[in-house]
Amino acid sequence: MTKRKRYSAEFKAKVALEAIREELTTAELAKKYDIHPTMISGWSEEE
């Protein structure tokens, strides 16, 4: 069984800001950073 990957607050903020800028789609960002698109959506909505 594999352990969950933990992401730093800095990484989350970087990816969320890119998502908010909408230069790439969520799917493109997910592929770029090798993470699930749902994670990006969640990070973008956090305050």
PDB file of N, CA and C in Angstrom:
ATOM      1  N   MET A   1       0.839  -1.179   0.000  1.00  0.00           N
ATOM      2  CA  MET A   1       0.000   0.000   0.000  1.00  0.00           C
ATOM      3  C   MET A   1       0.889   1.249   0.000  1.00  0.00           C
ATOM      4  N   THR A   2       0.556   2.205  -0.875  1.00  0.00           N
ATOM      5  CA  THR A   2       1.378   3.404  -0.976  1.00  0.00           C
ATOM      6  C   THR A   2       0.854   4.506  -0.067  1.00  0.00           C
ATOM      7  N   LYS A   3       1.779   5.367   0.350  1.00  0.00           N
ATOM      8  CA  LYS A   3       1.399   6.496   1.183  1.00  0.00           C
ATOM      9  C   LYS A   3       0.971   7.661   0.305  1.00  0.00           C
ATOM     10  N   ARG A   4       0.117   8.515   0.855  1.00  0.00           N
ATOM     11  CA  ARG A   4      -0.319   9.709   0.132  1.00  0.00           C
ATOM     12  C   ARG A   4       0.823  10.695   0.005  1.00  0.00           C
ATOM     13  N   LYS A   5       0.850  11.376  -1.128  1.00  0.00           N
ATOM     14  CA  LYS A   5       1.845  12.421  -1.340  1.00  0.00           C
ATOM     15  C   LYS A   5       1.354  13.692  -0.659  1.00  0.00           C
ATOM     16  N   ARG A   6       2.232  14.322   0.080  1.00  0.00           N
ATOM     17  CA  ARG A   6       1.897  15.580   0.744  1.00  0.00           C
ATOM     18  C   ARG A   6       2.497  16.726  -0.065  1.00  0.00           C
ATOM     19  N   TYR A   7       1.713  17.763  -0.287  1.00  0.00           N
ATOM     20  CA  TYR A   7       2.172  18.909  -1.057  1.00  0.00           C
ATOM     21  C   TYR A   7       2.325  20.108  -0.131  1.00  0.00           C
ATOM     22  N   SER A   8       3.378  20.892  -0.343  1.00  0.00           N
ATOM     23  CA  SER A   8       3.626  22.059   0.488  1.00  0.00           C
ATOM     24  C   SER A   8       2.632  23.165   0.157  1.00  0.00           C
ATOM     25  N   ALA A   9       2.471  24.071   1.075  1.00  0.00           N
ATOM     26  CA  ALA A   9       1.580  25.209   0.864  1.00  0.00           C
ATOM     27  C   ALA A   9       2.063  26.053  -0.312  1.00  0.00           C
ATOM     28  N   GLU A  10       3.376  26.149  -0.471  1.00  0.00           N
ATOM     29  CA  GLU A  10       3.941  26.924  -1.573  1.00  0.00           C
ATOM     30  C   GLU A  10       3.579  26.306  -2.918  1.00  0.00           C
ATOM     31  N   PHE A  11       3.671  24.975  -3.003  1.00  0.00           N
ATOM     32  CA  PHE A  11       3.325  24.276  -4.247  1.00  0.00           C
ATOM     33  C   PHE A  11       1.847  24.453  -4.561  1.00  0.00           C
ATOM     34  N   LYS A  12       1.005  24.285  -3.543  1.00  0.00           N
ATOM     35  CA  LYS A  12      -0.438  24.438  -3.738  1.00  0.00           C
ATOM     36  C   LYS A  12      -0.770  25.841  -4.226  1.00  0.00           C
ATOM     37  N   ALA A  13      -0.153  26.843  -3.611  1.00  0.00           N
ATOM     38  CA  ALA A  13      -0.408  28.231  -3.988  1.00  0.00           C
ATOM     39  C   ALA A  13       0.040  28.495  -5.425  1.00  0.00           C
ATOM     40  N   LYS A  14       1.186  27.965  -5.790  1.00  0.00           N
ATOM     41  CA  LYS A  14       1.714  28.147  -7.149  1.00  0.00           C
ATOM     42  C   LYS A  14       0.755  27.571  -8.182  1.00  0.00           C
ATOM     43  N   VAL A  15       0.302  26.344  -7.955  1.00  0.00           N
ATOM     44  CA  VAL A  15      -0.599  25.677  -8.892  1.00  0.00           C
ATOM     45  C   VAL A  15      -1.960  26.384  -8.916  1.00  0.00           C
ATOM     46  N   ALA A  16      -2.476  26.761  -7.744  1.00  0.00           N
ATOM     47  CA  ALA A  16      -3.772  27.441  -7.669  1.00  0.00           C
ATOM     48  C   ALA A  16      -3.732  28.774  -8.405  1.00  0.00           C
ATOM     49  N   LEU A  17      -2.646  29.521  -8.254  1.00  0.00           N
ATOM     50  CA  LEU A  17      -2.526  30.801  -8.954  1.00  0.00           C
ATOM     51  C   LEU A  17      -2.501  30.602 -10.467  1.00  0.00           C
ATOM     52  N   GLU A  18      -1.807  29.579 -10.917  1.00  0.00           N
ATOM     53  CA  GLU A  18      -1.792  29.279 -12.350  1.00  0.00           C
ATOM     54  C   GLU A  18      -3.194  28.938 -12.833  1.00  0.00           C
ATOM     55  N   ALA A  19      -3.947  28.206 -12.025  1.00  0.00           N
ATOM     56  CA  ALA A  19      -5.312  27.826 -12.402  1.00  0.00           C
ATOM     57  C   ALA A  19      -6.209  29.063 -12.474  1.00  0.00           C
ATOM     58  N   ILE A  20      -6.035  29.976 -11.531  1.00  0.00           N
ATOM     59  CA  ILE A  20      -6.850  31.189 -11.495  1.00  0.00           C
ATOM     60  C   ILE A  20      -6.540  32.088 -12.693  1.00  0.00           C
ATOM     61  N   ARG A  21      -5.277  32.123 -13.107  1.00  0.00           N
ATOM     62  CA  ARG A  21      -4.889  32.936 -14.273  1.00  0.00           C
ATOM     63  C   ARG A  21      -5.494  32.412 -15.571  1.00  0.00           C
ATOM     64  N   GLU A  22      -5.852  31.132 -15.587  1.00  0.00           N
ATOM     65  CA  GLU A  22      -6.497  30.479 -16.727  1.00  0.00           C
ATOM     66  C   GLU A  22      -5.670  30.518 -18.012  1.00  0.00           C
ATOM     67  N   GLU A  23      -4.341  30.481 -17.871  1.00  0.00           N
ATOM     68  CA  GLU A  23      -3.485  30.393 -19.050  1.00  0.00           C
ATOM     69  C   GLU A  23      -3.482  28.967 -19.594  1.00  0.00           C
ATOM     70  N   LEU A  24      -3.631  27.993 -18.699  1.00  0.00           N
ATOM     71  CA  LEU A  24      -3.754  26.590 -19.070  1.00  0.00           C
ATOM     72  C   LEU A  24      -5.040  26.053 -18.449  1.00  0.00           C
ATOM     73  N   THR A  25      -5.596  25.021 -19.057  1.00  0.00           N
ATOM     74  CA  THR A  25      -6.783  24.398 -18.475  1.00  0.00           C
ATOM     75  C   THR A  25      -6.374  23.602 -17.233  1.00  0.00           C
ATOM     76  N   THR A  26      -7.348  23.245 -16.437  1.00  0.00           N
ATOM     77  CA  THR A  26      -7.081  22.435 -15.247  1.00  0.00           C
ATOM     78  C   THR A  26      -6.445  21.108 -15.650  1.00  0.00           C
ATOM     79  N   ALA A  27      -6.944  20.534 -16.735  1.00  0.00           N
ATOM     80  CA  ALA A  27      -6.394  19.256 -17.201  1.00  0.00           C
ATOM     81  C   ALA A  27      -4.932  19.410 -17.625  1.00  0.00           C
ATOM     82  N   GLU A  28      -4.611  20.502 -18.292  1.00  0.00           N
ATOM     83  CA  GLU A  28      -3.224  20.737 -18.719  1.00  0.00           C
ATOM     84  C   GLU A  28      -2.305  20.947 -17.518  1.00  0.00           C
ATOM     85  N   LEU A  29      -2.787  21.685 -16.525  1.00  0.00           N
ATOM     86  CA  LEU A  29      -2.003  21.884 -15.300  1.00  0.00           C
ATOM     87  C   LEU A  29      -1.799  20.562 -14.571  1.00  0.00           C
ATOM     88  N   ALA A  30      -2.841  19.756 -14.509  1.00  0.00           N
ATOM     89  CA  ALA A  30      -2.751  18.461 -13.835  1.00  0.00           C
ATOM     90  C   ALA A  30      -1.685  17.592 -14.492  1.00  0.00           C
ATOM     91  N   LYS A  31      -1.671  17.602 -15.809  1.00  0.00           N
ATOM     92  CA  LYS A  31      -0.676  16.810 -16.534  1.00  0.00           C
ATOM     93  C   LYS A  31       0.731  17.373 -16.313  1.00  0.00           C
ATOM     94  N   LYS A  32       0.846  18.701 -16.330  1.00  0.00           N
ATOM     95  CA  LYS A  32       2.133  19.378 -16.136  1.00  0.00           C
ATOM     96  C   LYS A  32       2.756  19.023 -14.784  1.00  0.00           C
ATOM     97  N   TYR A  33       1.926  19.008 -13.729  1.00  0.00           N
ATOM     98  CA  TYR A  33       2.424  18.766 -12.370  1.00  0.00           C
ATOM     99  C   TYR A  33       2.188  17.338 -11.886  1.00  0.00           C
ATOM    100  N   ASP A  34       1.608  16.485 -12.734  1.00  0.00           N
ATOM    101  CA  ASP A  34       1.361  15.084 -12.401  1.00  0.00           C
ATOM    102  C   ASP A  34       0.509  14.937 -11.141  1.00  0.00           C
ATOM    103  N   ILE A  35      -0.623  15.655 -11.132  1.00  0.00           N
ATOM    104  CA  ILE A  35      -1.580  15.562 -10.041  1.00  0.00           C
ATOM    105  C   ILE A  35      -2.989  15.454 -10.635  1.00  0.00           C
ATOM    106  N   HIS A  36      -3.964  15.101  -9.815  1.00  0.00           N
ATOM    107  CA  HIS A  36      -5.334  14.937 -10.286  1.00  0.00           C
ATOM    108  C   HIS A  36      -6.007  16.311 -10.421  1.00  0.00           C
ATOM    109  N   PRO A  37      -6.773  16.522 -11.494  1.00  0.00           N
ATOM    110  CA  PRO A  37      -7.433  17.816 -11.698  1.00  0.00           C
ATOM    111  C   PRO A  37      -8.331  18.253 -10.537  1.00  0.00           C
ATOM    112  N   THR A  38      -8.949  17.311  -9.850  1.00  0.00           N
ATOM    113  CA  THR A  38      -9.816  17.645  -8.725  1.00  0.00           C
ATOM    114  C   THR A  38      -9.030  18.327  -7.606  1.00  0.00           C
ATOM    115  N   MET A  39      -7.782  17.941  -7.433  1.00  0.00           N
ATOM    116  CA  MET A  39      -6.950  18.560  -6.400  1.00  0.00           C
ATOM    117  C   MET A  39      -6.749  20.042  -6.709  1.00  0.00           C
ATOM    118  N   ILE A  40      -6.519  20.355  -7.976  1.00  0.00           N
ATOM    119  CA  ILE A  40      -6.302  21.744  -8.378  1.00  0.00           C
ATOM    120  C   ILE A  40      -7.553  22.573  -8.104  1.00  0.00           C
ATOM    121  N   SER A  41      -8.697  22.011  -8.438  1.00  0.00           N
ATOM    122  CA  SER A  41      -9.961  22.711  -8.198  1.00  0.00           C
ATOM    123  C   SER A  41     -10.136  23.006  -6.704  1.00  0.00           C
ATOM    124  N   GLY A  42      -9.830  22.045  -5.887  1.00  0.00           N
ATOM    125  CA  GLY A  42      -9.942  22.240  -4.431  1.00  0.00           C
ATOM    126  C   GLY A  42      -8.991  23.285  -3.912  1.00  0.00           C
ATOM    127  N   TRP A  43      -7.773  23.280  -4.392  1.00  0.00           N
ATOM    128  CA  TRP A  43      -6.785  24.258  -3.951  1.00  0.00           C
ATOM    129  C   TRP A  43      -7.158  25.651  -4.395  1.00  0.00           C
ATOM    130  N   SER A  44      -7.758  25.779  -5.576  1.00  0.00           N
ATOM    131  CA  SER A  44      -8.138  27.099  -6.087  1.00  0.00           C
ATOM    132  C   SER A  44      -9.287  27.703  -5.277  1.00  0.00           C
ATOM    133  N   GLU A  45     -10.106  26.867  -4.670  1.00  0.00           N
ATOM    134  CA  GLU A  45     -11.255  27.342  -3.903  1.00  0.00           C
ATOM    135  C   GLU A  45     -10.913  27.640  -2.448  1.00  0.00           C
ATOM    136  N   GLU A  46      -9.774  27.129  -1.962  1.00  0.00           N
ATOM    137  CA  GLU A  46      -9.382  27.365  -0.556  1.00  0.00           C
ATOM    138  C   GLU A  46      -9.023  28.827  -0.361  1.00  0.00           C
ATOM    139  N   GLU A  47      -9.216  29.295   0.851  1.00  0.00           N
ATOM    140  CA  GLU A  47      -8.852  30.678   1.175  1.00  0.00           C
ATOM    141  C   GLU A  47      -7.750  30.711   2.195  1.00  0.00           C
TER     142      GLU A  47
END
